[in-house]
C-alpha atoms as a PDB file:
ATOM      1  CA  UNK A   1      -0.144  26.162   7.923  1.00  0.00           C
ATOM      2  CA  UNK A   2       1.523  22.999   9.225  1.00  0.00           C
ATOM      3  CA  UNK A   3       3.355  20.625   6.875  1.00  0.00           C
ATOM      4  CA  UNK A   4       3.167  17.839   9.473  1.00  0.00           C
ATOM      5  CA  UNK A   5       0.692  15.048   8.738  1.00  0.00           C
ATOM      6  CA  UNK A   6      -1.847  14.188  11.420  1.00  0.00           C
ATOM      7  CA  UNK A   7      -2.092  10.507  12.376  1.00  0.00           C
ATOM      8  CA  UNK A   8      -5.474  10.223  10.616  1.00  0.00           C
ATOM      9  CA  UNK A   9      -4.293  11.828   7.354  1.00  0.00           C
ATOM     10  CA  UNK A  10      -4.168   9.439   4.420  1.00  0.00           C
ATOM     11  CA  UNK A  11      -0.766   9.100   2.775  1.00  0.00           C
ATOM     12  CA  UNK A  12       0.674   7.167  -0.149  1.00  0.00           C
ATOM     13  CA  UNK A  13       2.813   4.482   1.461  1.00  0.00           C
ATOM     14  CA  UNK A  14       4.049   2.845  -1.750  1.00  0.00           C
ATOM     15  CA  UNK A  15       3.523   2.845  -5.509  1.00  0.00           C
ATOM     16  CA  UNK A  16       3.292  -0.331  -7.576  1.00  0.00           C
ATOM     17  CA  UNK A  17       3.444  -1.212 -11.255  1.00  0.00           C
ATOM     18  CA  UNK A  18       0.486  -3.606 -11.023  1.00  0.00           C
ATOM     19  CA  UNK A  19      -2.777  -3.594  -9.130  1.00  0.00           C
ATOM     20  CA  UNK A  20      -2.214  -7.206  -8.082  1.00  0.00           C
ATOM     21  CA  UNK A  21       1.006  -6.310  -6.259  1.00  0.00           C
ATOM     22  CA  UNK A  22      -0.725  -3.419  -4.505  1.00  0.00           C
ATOM     23  CA  UNK A  23      -3.689  -5.627  -3.520  1.00  0.00           C
ATOM     24  CA  UNK A  24      -1.300  -8.216  -2.090  1.00  0.00           C
ATOM     25  CA  UNK A  25       0.474  -5.571   0.015  1.00  0.00           C
ATOM     26  CA  UNK A  26      -2.903  -4.230   1.152  1.00  0.00           C
ATOM     27  CA  UNK A  27      -3.968  -7.743   2.205  1.00  0.00           C
ATOM     28  CA  UNK A  28      -0.760  -8.175   4.240  1.00  0.00           C
ATOM     29  CA  UNK A  29      -1.432  -4.915   6.061  1.00  0.00           C
ATOM     30  CA  UNK A  30      -5.133  -5.666   6.624  1.00  0.00           C
ATOM     31  CA  UNK A  31      -4.230  -9.120   8.026  1.00  0.00           C
ATOM     32  CA  UNK A  32      -2.038  -7.325  10.563  1.00  0.00           C
ATOM     33  CA  UNK A  33      -4.736  -4.864  11.609  1.00  0.00           C
ATOM     34  CA  UNK A  34      -3.664  -1.890   9.478  1.00  0.00           C
ATOM     35  CA  UNK A  35      -6.440  -0.452   7.302  1.00  0.00           C
ATOM     36  CA  UNK A  36      -5.181   0.047   3.745  1.00  0.00           C
ATOM     37  CA  UNK A  37      -6.675   0.975   0.387  1.00  0.00           C
ATOM     38  CA  UNK A  38      -5.513   0.657  -3.190  1.00  0.00           C
ATOM     39  CA  UNK A  39      -5.967   3.569  -5.604  1.00  0.00           C
ATOM     40  CA  UNK A  40      -5.518   2.812  -9.284  1.00  0.00           C
ATOM     41  CA  UNK A  41      -6.135   4.890 -12.388  1.00  0.00           C
ATOM     42  CA  UNK A  42      -6.485   1.894 -14.720  1.00  0.00           C
ATOM     43  CA  UNK A  43      -9.983   2.541 -16.079  1.00  0.00           C
ATOM     44  CA  UNK A  44     -11.522   0.094 -13.654  1.00  0.00           C
ATOM     45  CA  UNK A  45      -9.008  -2.574 -14.610  1.00  0.00           C
ATOM     46  CA  UNK A  46      -9.781  -2.323 -18.332  1.00  0.00           C
ATOM     47  CA  UNK A  47      -6.389  -0.743 -19.095  1.00  0.00           C
ATOM     48  CA  UNK A  48      -3.858  -2.192 -16.633  1.00  0.00           C
ATOM     49  CA  UNK A  49      -0.919  -0.931 -18.713  1.00  0.00           C
ATOM     50  CA  UNK A  50      -1.782   2.634 -17.643  1.00  0.00           C
ATOM     51  CA  UNK A  51      -0.150   1.732 -14.303  1.00  0.00           C
ATOM     52  CA  UNK A  52       3.223   2.137 -16.037  1.00  0.00           C
ATOM     53  CA  UNK A  53       2.454   5.853 -16.405  1.00  0.00           C
ATOM     54  CA  UNK A  54       0.282   6.298 -13.310  1.00  0.00           C
ATOM     55  CA  UNK A  55       1.442   3.849 -10.632  1.00  0.00           C
ATOM     56  CA  UNK A  56      -1.057   2.059  -8.426  1.00  0.00           C
ATOM     57  CA  UNK A  57      -0.931   3.612  -4.962  1.00  0.00           C
ATOM     58  CA  UNK A  58      -1.180   1.941  -1.562  1.00  0.00           C
ATOM     59  CA  UNK A  59      -2.823   4.286   0.942  1.00  0.00           C
ATOM     60  CA  UNK A  60      -2.659   4.126   4.746  1.00  0.00           C
ATOM     61  CA  UNK A  61      -3.174   6.461   7.685  1.00  0.00           C
ATOM     62  CA  UNK A  62      -0.073   8.492   8.540  1.00  0.00           C
ATOM     63  CA  UNK A  63      -0.104   7.078  12.065  1.00  0.00           C
ATOM     64  CA  UNK A  64       0.158   3.527  10.666  1.00  0.00           C
ATOM     65  CA  UNK A  65       2.889   4.284   8.107  1.00  0.00           C
ATOM     66  CA  UNK A  66       5.914   3.266  10.189  1.00  0.00           C
ATOM     67  CA  UNK A  67       4.487  -0.116  11.194  1.00  0.00           C
ATOM     68  CA  UNK A  68       3.146  -0.678   7.675  1.00  0.00           C
ATOM     69  CA  UNK A  69       6.590  -0.090   6.159  1.00  0.00           C
ATOM     70  CA  UNK A  70       8.152  -2.429   8.709  1.00  0.00           C
ATOM     71  CA  UNK A  71       5.633  -5.173   7.888  1.00  0.00           C
ATOM     72  CA  UNK A  72       6.078  -4.841   4.122  1.00  0.00           C
ATOM     73  CA  UNK A  73       9.885  -4.726   4.406  1.00  0.00           C
ATOM     74  CA  UNK A  74      10.147  -7.778   6.661  1.00  0.00           C
ATOM     75  CA  UNK A  75      10.867 -11.237   5.328  1.00  0.00           C
ATOM     76  CA  UNK A  76       8.969 -14.380   6.211  1.00  0.00           C
ATOM     77  CA  UNK A  77      10.623 -17.018   8.363  1.00  0.00           C
ATOM     78  CA  UNK A  78      11.443 -20.192   6.482  1.00  0.00           C
ATOM     79  CA  UNK A  79       9.136 -23.143   7.214  1.00  0.00           C
ATOM     80  CA  UNK A  80      10.220 -25.459  10.007  1.00  0.00           C
ATOM     81  CA  UNK A  81      11.424 -28.914   9.009  1.00  0.00           C
END
């Protein structure tokens, strides 16, 4: 059995302490054409503190992971004067 992920396999790209942070990262990726989903075990948002024990996960396709990391790690250019 192969350990290599296929491009269409879903992977956990990052883990976050809050669902809001994960949703923001997902929105950045979606705005750049990379499908992303947020998976949280916070009882439907009723118990957000559970994320400290079970981090909120940002999911992407394995084939998009490299570009997704690059986008999330990049900094925004300062506004022009």
